[in-house]
């Protein structure tokens, strides 16, 4: 399957954006002082584990989407070099 230039860049940007957003979220989750993520004893709550699982899933999906976009961008660059050399 061949991706367009716009689709390739969009997927790559989405992967980077996903990492940026979820790293920020996990950092904030880890520092939570409201009592949602950690109970009074300092132990993680169900809220913490559920949101950590969501973040990990988003990291994996963001990575997969970003890799697809990166491969699309690289393939387009190879194609344009081949056309320029021909």
N, C-alpha and C. Protein backbone atom coordinates (compact mmCIF):
# COMPACT_ATOMS: atom_id res chain seq x y z
N UNK A 1 0.84 -1.17 0.00
CA UNK A 1 0.00 0.00 0.00
C UNK A 1 0.89 1.24 0.00
N UNK A 2 0.50 2.23 -0.72
CA UNK A 2 1.26 3.46 -0.83
C UNK A 2 0.49 4.59 -0.14
N UNK A 3 1.18 5.30 0.73
CA UNK A 3 0.58 6.43 1.44
C UNK A 3 0.93 7.73 0.72
N UNK A 4 0.02 8.66 0.75
CA UNK A 4 0.31 9.97 0.19
C UNK A 4 1.27 10.71 1.13
N UNK A 5 1.84 11.77 0.62
CA UNK A 5 2.76 12.58 1.43
C UNK A 5 2.02 13.15 2.64
N UNK A 6 0.82 13.67 2.41
CA UNK A 6 0.04 14.26 3.52
C UNK A 6 -0.30 13.22 4.57
N UNK A 7 -0.72 12.04 4.13
CA UNK A 7 -1.08 10.98 5.09
C UNK A 7 0.14 10.52 5.88
N UNK A 8 1.28 10.40 5.21
CA UNK A 8 2.50 9.97 5.88
C UNK A 8 2.91 10.97 6.96
N UNK A 9 2.90 12.25 6.62
CA UNK A 9 3.27 13.28 7.59
C UNK A 9 2.26 13.37 8.72
N UNK A 10 0.98 13.20 8.40
CA UNK A 10 -0.05 13.23 9.43
C UNK A 10 0.16 12.09 10.44
N UNK A 11 0.42 10.89 9.94
CA UNK A 11 0.62 9.75 10.84
C UNK A 11 1.87 9.94 11.69
N UNK A 12 2.92 10.44 11.09
CA UNK A 12 4.14 10.70 11.84
C UNK A 12 3.89 11.76 12.92
N UNK A 13 3.22 12.84 12.56
CA UNK A 13 2.90 13.89 13.53
C UNK A 13 2.00 13.37 14.64
N UNK A 14 1.04 12.51 14.28
CA UNK A 14 0.15 11.94 15.29
C UNK A 14 0.93 11.09 16.29
N UNK A 15 1.88 10.30 15.80
CA UNK A 15 2.70 9.48 16.69
C UNK A 15 3.51 10.33 17.66
N UNK A 16 4.12 11.39 17.14
CA UNK A 16 4.90 12.29 18.00
C UNK A 16 3.99 12.99 19.00
N UNK A 17 2.84 13.47 18.53
CA UNK A 17 1.88 14.15 19.40
C UNK A 17 1.40 13.22 20.51
N UNK A 18 1.12 11.98 20.16
CA UNK A 18 0.65 11.01 21.14
C UNK A 18 1.69 10.83 22.25
N UNK A 19 2.94 10.69 21.88
CA UNK A 19 3.99 10.55 22.88
C UNK A 19 4.09 11.79 23.75
N UNK A 20 4.04 12.96 23.14
CA UNK A 20 4.14 14.21 23.90
C UNK A 20 3.02 14.31 24.92
N UNK A 21 1.79 14.08 24.49
CA UNK A 21 0.63 14.22 25.37
C UNK A 21 0.68 13.20 26.50
N UNK A 22 0.92 11.94 26.17
CA UNK A 22 0.85 10.90 27.19
C UNK A 22 2.03 10.91 28.15
N UNK A 23 3.20 11.35 27.70
CA UNK A 23 4.33 11.50 28.63
C UNK A 23 3.98 12.60 29.64
N UNK A 24 3.42 13.70 29.14
CA UNK A 24 2.99 14.78 30.05
C UNK A 24 1.94 14.27 31.03
N UNK A 25 0.99 13.48 30.53
CA UNK A 25 -0.07 12.96 31.40
C UNK A 25 0.50 12.05 32.48
N UNK A 26 1.39 11.15 32.11
CA UNK A 26 1.97 10.21 33.10
C UNK A 26 2.79 10.98 34.13
N UNK A 27 3.51 11.98 33.68
CA UNK A 27 4.29 12.81 34.61
C UNK A 27 3.35 13.48 35.63
N UNK A 28 2.24 14.02 35.13
CA UNK A 28 1.27 14.66 36.03
C UNK A 28 0.57 13.64 36.93
N UNK A 29 0.29 12.47 36.39
CA UNK A 29 -0.33 11.40 37.18
C UNK A 29 0.58 10.99 38.32
N UNK A 30 1.87 10.87 38.03
CA UNK A 30 2.84 10.44 39.03
C UNK A 30 2.97 11.47 40.16
N UNK A 31 2.82 12.75 39.82
CA UNK A 31 2.95 13.82 40.82
C UNK A 31 1.62 14.19 41.48
N UNK A 32 0.56 13.44 41.19
CA UNK A 32 -0.78 13.78 41.66
C UNK A 32 -0.83 13.92 43.18
N UNK A 33 -1.35 15.03 43.62
CA UNK A 33 -1.49 15.25 45.05
C UNK A 33 -2.95 15.34 45.48
N UNK A 34 -3.87 15.10 44.55
CA UNK A 34 -5.28 15.27 44.87
C UNK A 34 -5.88 14.05 45.57
N UNK A 35 -5.18 12.95 45.58
CA UNK A 35 -5.71 11.75 46.20
C UNK A 35 -6.36 10.80 45.21
N UNK A 36 -6.40 11.17 43.95
CA UNK A 36 -6.99 10.27 42.95
C UNK A 36 -6.03 9.13 42.60
N UNK A 37 -4.77 9.46 42.37
CA UNK A 37 -3.82 8.45 41.91
C UNK A 37 -3.21 7.64 43.06
N UNK A 38 -3.06 8.28 44.21
CA UNK A 38 -2.45 7.60 45.36
C UNK A 38 -3.32 7.84 46.59
N UNK A 39 -3.46 6.80 47.40
CA UNK A 39 -4.26 6.95 48.62
C UNK A 39 -3.41 7.61 49.71
N UNK A 40 -3.98 7.70 50.88
CA UNK A 40 -3.29 8.38 51.99
C UNK A 40 -2.00 7.69 52.40
N UNK A 41 -1.93 6.38 52.18
CA UNK A 41 -0.72 5.63 52.53
C UNK A 41 0.34 5.73 51.43
N UNK A 42 0.00 6.36 50.29
CA UNK A 42 0.95 6.49 49.19
C UNK A 42 0.90 5.34 48.20
N UNK A 43 -0.09 4.46 48.36
CA UNK A 43 -0.21 3.33 47.45
C UNK A 43 -1.03 3.74 46.23
N UNK A 44 -0.69 3.18 45.05
CA UNK A 44 -1.45 3.51 43.83
C UNK A 44 -2.90 3.03 43.94
N UNK A 45 -3.81 3.84 43.42
CA UNK A 45 -5.23 3.50 43.42
C UNK A 45 -5.61 2.86 42.09
N UNK A 46 -6.84 2.40 42.00
CA UNK A 46 -7.35 1.84 40.74
C UNK A 46 -7.30 2.89 39.65
N UNK A 47 -7.61 4.13 39.99
CA UNK A 47 -7.53 5.25 39.03
C UNK A 47 -6.14 5.31 38.41
N UNK A 48 -5.11 5.20 39.24
CA UNK A 48 -3.73 5.24 38.76
C UNK A 48 -3.47 4.10 37.78
N UNK A 49 -3.83 2.87 38.15
CA UNK A 49 -3.53 1.71 37.31
C UNK A 49 -4.28 1.76 35.98
N UNK A 50 -5.54 2.18 36.02
CA UNK A 50 -6.33 2.27 34.79
C UNK A 50 -5.72 3.31 33.84
N UNK A 51 -5.36 4.46 34.38
CA UNK A 51 -4.81 5.51 33.54
C UNK A 51 -3.39 5.20 33.08
N UNK A 52 -2.64 4.49 33.89
CA UNK A 52 -1.32 4.05 33.44
C UNK A 52 -1.46 3.04 32.30
N UNK A 53 -2.43 2.15 32.40
CA UNK A 53 -2.68 1.19 31.32
C UNK A 53 -3.11 1.92 30.04
N UNK A 54 -3.96 2.92 30.17
CA UNK A 54 -4.36 3.72 29.00
C UNK A 54 -3.15 4.41 28.38
N UNK A 55 -2.27 4.93 29.20
CA UNK A 55 -1.08 5.60 28.69
C UNK A 55 -0.17 4.63 27.96
N UNK A 56 0.04 3.45 28.53
CA UNK A 56 0.90 2.44 27.88
C UNK A 56 0.30 2.03 26.54
N UNK A 57 -1.01 1.79 26.51
CA UNK A 57 -1.67 1.44 25.24
C UNK A 57 -1.51 2.56 24.22
N UNK A 58 -1.63 3.79 24.67
CA UNK A 58 -1.48 4.93 23.77
C UNK A 58 -0.04 5.08 23.30
N UNK A 59 0.93 4.79 24.17
CA UNK A 59 2.33 4.80 23.74
C UNK A 59 2.54 3.79 22.62
N UNK A 60 2.01 2.59 22.81
CA UNK A 60 2.19 1.53 21.81
C UNK A 60 1.51 1.89 20.50
N UNK A 61 0.27 2.36 20.58
CA UNK A 61 -0.45 2.74 19.35
C UNK A 61 0.19 3.96 18.68
N UNK A 62 0.59 4.94 19.48
CA UNK A 62 1.26 6.11 18.92
C UNK A 62 2.57 5.75 18.24
N UNK A 63 3.30 4.80 18.84
CA UNK A 63 4.54 4.34 18.23
C UNK A 63 4.26 3.64 16.91
N UNK A 64 3.28 2.76 16.90
CA UNK A 64 2.94 2.03 15.66
C UNK A 64 2.50 2.98 14.56
N UNK A 65 1.65 3.92 14.89
CA UNK A 65 1.16 4.89 13.90
C UNK A 65 2.32 5.76 13.42
N UNK A 66 3.17 6.20 14.34
CA UNK A 66 4.32 7.01 13.97
C UNK A 66 5.30 6.28 13.08
N UNK A 67 5.52 5.00 13.36
CA UNK A 67 6.42 4.19 12.53
C UNK A 67 5.85 4.04 11.12
N UNK A 68 4.56 3.82 11.01
CA UNK A 68 3.92 3.73 9.69
C UNK A 68 4.12 5.04 8.93
N UNK A 69 3.90 6.16 9.61
CA UNK A 69 4.10 7.46 8.98
C UNK A 69 5.55 7.68 8.58
N UNK A 70 6.49 7.33 9.45
CA UNK A 70 7.91 7.46 9.14
C UNK A 70 8.30 6.62 7.94
N UNK A 71 7.81 5.40 7.89
CA UNK A 71 8.11 4.54 6.74
C UNK A 71 7.53 5.13 5.46
N UNK A 72 6.34 5.73 5.55
CA UNK A 72 5.74 6.37 4.38
C UNK A 72 6.56 7.55 3.90
N UNK A 73 7.03 8.39 4.84
CA UNK A 73 7.85 9.56 4.49
C UNK A 73 9.16 9.10 3.87
N UNK A 74 9.78 8.10 4.46
CA UNK A 74 11.05 7.60 3.93
C UNK A 74 10.88 6.99 2.54
N UNK A 75 9.79 6.28 2.33
CA UNK A 75 9.53 5.69 1.00
C UNK A 75 9.32 6.78 -0.04
N UNK A 76 8.62 7.83 0.32
CA UNK A 76 8.41 8.94 -0.61
C UNK A 76 9.72 9.64 -0.95
N UNK A 77 10.59 9.78 0.03
CA UNK A 77 11.90 10.40 -0.22
C UNK A 77 12.75 9.53 -1.13
N UNK A 78 12.74 8.21 -0.89
CA UNK A 78 13.49 7.30 -1.78
C UNK A 78 12.95 7.38 -3.20
N UNK A 79 11.63 7.45 -3.32
CA UNK A 79 10.98 7.55 -4.63
C UNK A 79 11.39 8.83 -5.35
N UNK A 80 11.38 9.94 -4.64
CA UNK A 80 11.74 11.20 -5.28
C UNK A 80 13.22 11.23 -5.67
N UNK A 81 14.09 10.60 -4.87
CA UNK A 81 15.51 10.50 -5.24
C UNK A 81 15.70 9.64 -6.47
N UNK A 82 14.93 8.56 -6.55
CA UNK A 82 15.03 7.66 -7.71
C UNK A 82 14.57 8.37 -8.98
N UNK A 83 13.51 9.16 -8.85
CA UNK A 83 13.01 9.91 -10.01
C UNK A 83 14.00 10.99 -10.43
N UNK A 84 14.66 11.62 -9.46
CA UNK A 84 15.62 12.67 -9.77
C UNK A 84 16.88 12.09 -10.44
N UNK A 85 17.21 10.86 -10.06
CA UNK A 85 18.39 10.21 -10.63
C UNK A 85 18.14 9.60 -12.00
N UNK A 86 16.88 9.41 -12.36
CA UNK A 86 16.55 8.75 -13.63
C UNK A 86 16.48 9.71 -14.79
